[in-house]
Amino acid sequence: MEQRLVNKKHLTEQEIRTRYITSAIRGAGWPYSHIREALLALCDALAAEVAAAEEVRARLLQAVLNGG
C-alpha cells in the first residue's frame, strides 16, 4: 500500500486536531464520548461568508435596479 506524505503546513487547524490530536487521545484509551471538537469557529466562519455573499447579492441587485 502506498503511503502518502502529508505536508502539515497545508492542513487546517481542524484537520490537525482530527488526524493527530484526537487519534493520540484515542490511542491513550479515551472513549469517543469524552472527546468533543469545537464547531463554534466553523459556524462563525460560515456566518461571515454568508453575510458577505448576501452583501454582494444586495449590491448587484441595487446596481441592476439602478440601471448600472
N, C-alpha and C. Protein backbone atom coordinates (compact mmCIF):
# COMPACT_ATOMS: atom_id res chain seq x y z
N MET A 1 0.84 -1.18 0.00
CA MET A 1 0.00 0.00 0.00
C MET A 1 0.89 1.24 0.00
N GLU A 2 0.58 2.17 -0.87
CA GLU A 2 1.36 3.40 -0.97
C GLU A 2 1.00 4.35 0.17
N GLN A 3 2.01 4.85 0.84
CA GLN A 3 1.77 5.78 1.94
C GLN A 3 2.04 7.19 1.44
N ARG A 4 1.05 8.07 1.61
CA ARG A 4 1.15 9.43 1.14
C ARG A 4 1.68 10.32 2.24
N LEU A 5 2.71 11.12 1.95
CA LEU A 5 3.22 12.07 2.92
C LEU A 5 2.32 13.30 2.92
N VAL A 6 2.04 13.82 4.09
CA VAL A 6 1.17 14.97 4.22
C VAL A 6 2.01 16.17 4.66
N ASN A 7 1.88 17.27 3.93
CA ASN A 7 2.54 18.50 4.33
C ASN A 7 1.65 19.17 5.37
N LYS A 8 2.06 19.12 6.61
CA LYS A 8 1.23 19.62 7.71
C LYS A 8 1.01 21.12 7.63
N LYS A 9 1.86 21.83 6.89
CA LYS A 9 1.70 23.27 6.74
C LYS A 9 0.44 23.61 5.95
N HIS A 10 -0.04 22.66 5.15
CA HIS A 10 -1.23 22.91 4.34
C HIS A 10 -2.51 22.40 4.99
N LEU A 11 -2.41 21.84 6.19
CA LEU A 11 -3.59 21.36 6.90
C LEU A 11 -4.24 22.48 7.69
N THR A 12 -5.56 22.43 7.83
CA THR A 12 -6.25 23.38 8.68
C THR A 12 -6.10 22.95 10.14
N GLU A 13 -6.44 23.85 11.03
CA GLU A 13 -6.40 23.52 12.46
C GLU A 13 -7.31 22.32 12.75
N GLN A 14 -8.48 22.31 12.14
CA GLN A 14 -9.44 21.21 12.31
C GLN A 14 -8.83 19.88 11.86
N GLU A 15 -8.17 19.87 10.70
CA GLU A 15 -7.57 18.64 10.19
C GLU A 15 -6.46 18.14 11.10
N ILE A 16 -5.66 19.05 11.65
CA ILE A 16 -4.58 18.66 12.57
C ILE A 16 -5.17 18.05 13.82
N ARG A 17 -6.22 18.69 14.37
CA ARG A 17 -6.86 18.14 15.58
C ARG A 17 -7.41 16.75 15.32
N THR A 18 -8.12 16.60 14.21
CA THR A 18 -8.76 15.32 13.91
C THR A 18 -7.75 14.23 13.62
N ARG A 19 -6.77 14.52 12.78
CA ARG A 19 -5.80 13.49 12.38
C ARG A 19 -4.81 13.12 13.46
N TYR A 20 -4.33 14.09 14.19
CA TYR A 20 -3.21 13.82 15.10
C TYR A 20 -3.60 13.86 16.58
N ILE A 21 -4.25 14.91 17.00
CA ILE A 21 -4.54 15.06 18.43
C ILE A 21 -5.62 14.08 18.87
N THR A 22 -6.73 14.04 18.13
CA THR A 22 -7.81 13.12 18.51
C THR A 22 -7.35 11.67 18.45
N SER A 23 -6.58 11.33 17.42
CA SER A 23 -6.12 9.94 17.32
C SER A 23 -5.16 9.60 18.47
N ALA A 24 -4.35 10.55 18.90
CA ALA A 24 -3.45 10.31 20.04
C ALA A 24 -4.25 10.14 21.33
N ILE A 25 -5.27 10.95 21.50
CA ILE A 25 -6.12 10.82 22.70
C ILE A 25 -6.83 9.47 22.69
N ARG A 26 -7.34 9.07 21.52
CA ARG A 26 -7.98 7.75 21.41
C ARG A 26 -6.98 6.64 21.70
N GLY A 27 -5.75 6.81 21.22
CA GLY A 27 -4.71 5.81 21.46
C GLY A 27 -4.36 5.68 22.93
N ALA A 28 -4.59 6.76 23.69
CA ALA A 28 -4.33 6.73 25.13
C ALA A 28 -5.47 6.08 25.90
N GLY A 29 -6.53 5.68 25.17
CA GLY A 29 -7.61 4.95 25.82
C GLY A 29 -8.87 5.74 26.13
N TRP A 30 -8.92 7.00 25.73
CA TRP A 30 -10.12 7.80 25.99
C TRP A 30 -11.24 7.37 25.05
N PRO A 31 -12.47 7.23 25.55
CA PRO A 31 -13.60 6.89 24.67
C PRO A 31 -14.05 8.11 23.88
N TYR A 32 -14.64 7.86 22.71
CA TYR A 32 -15.14 8.96 21.87
C TYR A 32 -16.11 9.85 22.62
N SER A 33 -16.89 9.27 23.52
CA SER A 33 -17.89 10.05 24.25
C SER A 33 -17.28 11.13 25.13
N HIS A 34 -15.98 11.05 25.40
CA HIS A 34 -15.31 12.06 26.22
C HIS A 34 -14.54 13.07 25.39
N ILE A 35 -14.61 12.95 24.07
CA ILE A 35 -13.85 13.84 23.18
C ILE A 35 -14.83 14.63 22.34
N ARG A 36 -14.69 15.95 22.37
CA ARG A 36 -15.53 16.81 21.54
C ARG A 36 -14.66 17.82 20.82
N GLU A 37 -15.03 18.14 19.61
CA GLU A 37 -14.33 19.17 18.86
C GLU A 37 -15.24 20.38 18.73
N ALA A 38 -14.66 21.54 18.89
CA ALA A 38 -15.45 22.76 18.82
C ALA A 38 -15.88 23.06 17.40
N LEU A 39 -17.14 23.35 17.24
CA LEU A 39 -17.67 23.73 15.93
C LEU A 39 -17.97 25.22 15.86
N LEU A 40 -17.78 25.93 16.96
CA LEU A 40 -18.12 27.34 17.00
C LEU A 40 -17.32 28.15 15.99
N ALA A 41 -16.02 27.90 15.88
CA ALA A 41 -15.20 28.64 14.93
C ALA A 41 -15.68 28.40 13.51
N LEU A 42 -16.04 27.18 13.18
CA LEU A 42 -16.54 26.87 11.86
C LEU A 42 -17.86 27.59 11.60
N CYS A 43 -18.74 27.59 12.57
CA CYS A 43 -20.02 28.27 12.42
C CYS A 43 -19.83 29.77 12.22
N ASP A 44 -18.91 30.38 12.97
CA ASP A 44 -18.62 31.80 12.81
C ASP A 44 -18.08 32.10 11.42
N ALA A 45 -17.19 31.26 10.93
CA ALA A 45 -16.61 31.46 9.60
C ALA A 45 -17.68 31.34 8.52
N LEU A 46 -18.56 30.36 8.65
CA LEU A 46 -19.64 30.20 7.68
C LEU A 46 -20.61 31.38 7.73
N ALA A 47 -20.92 31.86 8.91
CA ALA A 47 -21.83 33.00 9.05
C ALA A 47 -21.22 34.24 8.39
N ALA A 48 -19.92 34.44 8.54
CA ALA A 48 -19.26 35.57 7.91
C ALA A 48 -19.30 35.46 6.39
N GLU A 49 -19.10 34.26 5.87
CA GLU A 49 -19.16 34.06 4.42
C GLU A 49 -20.57 34.30 3.89
N VAL A 50 -21.57 33.85 4.61
CA VAL A 50 -22.95 34.05 4.19
C VAL A 50 -23.28 35.55 4.20
N ALA A 51 -22.86 36.25 5.25
CA ALA A 51 -23.12 37.69 5.33
C ALA A 51 -22.45 38.43 4.18
N ALA A 52 -21.21 38.05 3.85
CA ALA A 52 -20.50 38.69 2.74
C ALA A 52 -21.21 38.40 1.41
N ALA A 53 -21.66 37.18 1.22
CA ALA A 53 -22.36 36.82 -0.02
C ALA A 53 -23.67 37.58 -0.13
N GLU A 54 -24.38 37.74 0.98
CA GLU A 54 -25.64 38.48 0.95
C GLU A 54 -25.40 39.95 0.62
N GLU A 55 -24.31 40.51 1.11
CA GLU A 55 -23.98 41.90 0.79
C GLU A 55 -23.67 42.06 -0.69
N VAL A 56 -22.91 41.14 -1.24
CA VAL A 56 -22.59 41.18 -2.67
C VAL A 56 -23.87 41.07 -3.49
N ARG A 57 -24.74 40.16 -3.10
CA ARG A 57 -26.01 39.98 -3.82
C ARG A 57 -26.85 41.25 -3.76
N ALA A 58 -26.90 41.90 -2.59
CA ALA A 58 -27.68 43.13 -2.44
C ALA A 58 -27.10 44.25 -3.30
N ARG A 59 -25.77 44.35 -3.36
CA ARG A 59 -25.14 45.38 -4.20
C ARG A 59 -25.41 45.13 -5.68
N LEU A 60 -25.34 43.86 -6.11
CA LEU A 60 -25.63 43.54 -7.51
C LEU A 60 -27.08 43.86 -7.85
N LEU A 61 -27.99 43.52 -6.97
CA LEU A 61 -29.40 43.81 -7.19
C LEU A 61 -29.62 45.31 -7.29
N GLN A 62 -28.99 46.06 -6.42
CA GLN A 62 -29.13 47.52 -6.43
C GLN A 62 -28.58 48.10 -7.73
N ALA A 63 -27.45 47.57 -8.19
CA ALA A 63 -26.87 48.03 -9.45
C ALA A 63 -27.79 47.75 -10.62
N VAL A 64 -28.42 46.57 -10.63
CA VAL A 64 -29.35 46.21 -11.70
C VAL A 64 -30.57 47.12 -11.68
N LEU A 65 -31.09 47.35 -10.49
CA LEU A 65 -32.27 48.20 -10.35
C LEU A 65 -31.99 49.66 -10.73
N ASN A 66 -30.75 50.10 -10.50
CA ASN A 66 -30.36 51.47 -10.82
C ASN A 66 -29.89 51.59 -12.27
N GLY A 67 -29.90 50.49 -12.99
CA GLY A 67 -29.53 50.51 -14.40
C GLY A 67 -28.04 50.58 -14.65
N GLY A 68 -27.28 50.17 -13.69
CA GLY A 68 -25.85 50.29 -13.94
C GLY A 68 -25.11 49.16 -13.44
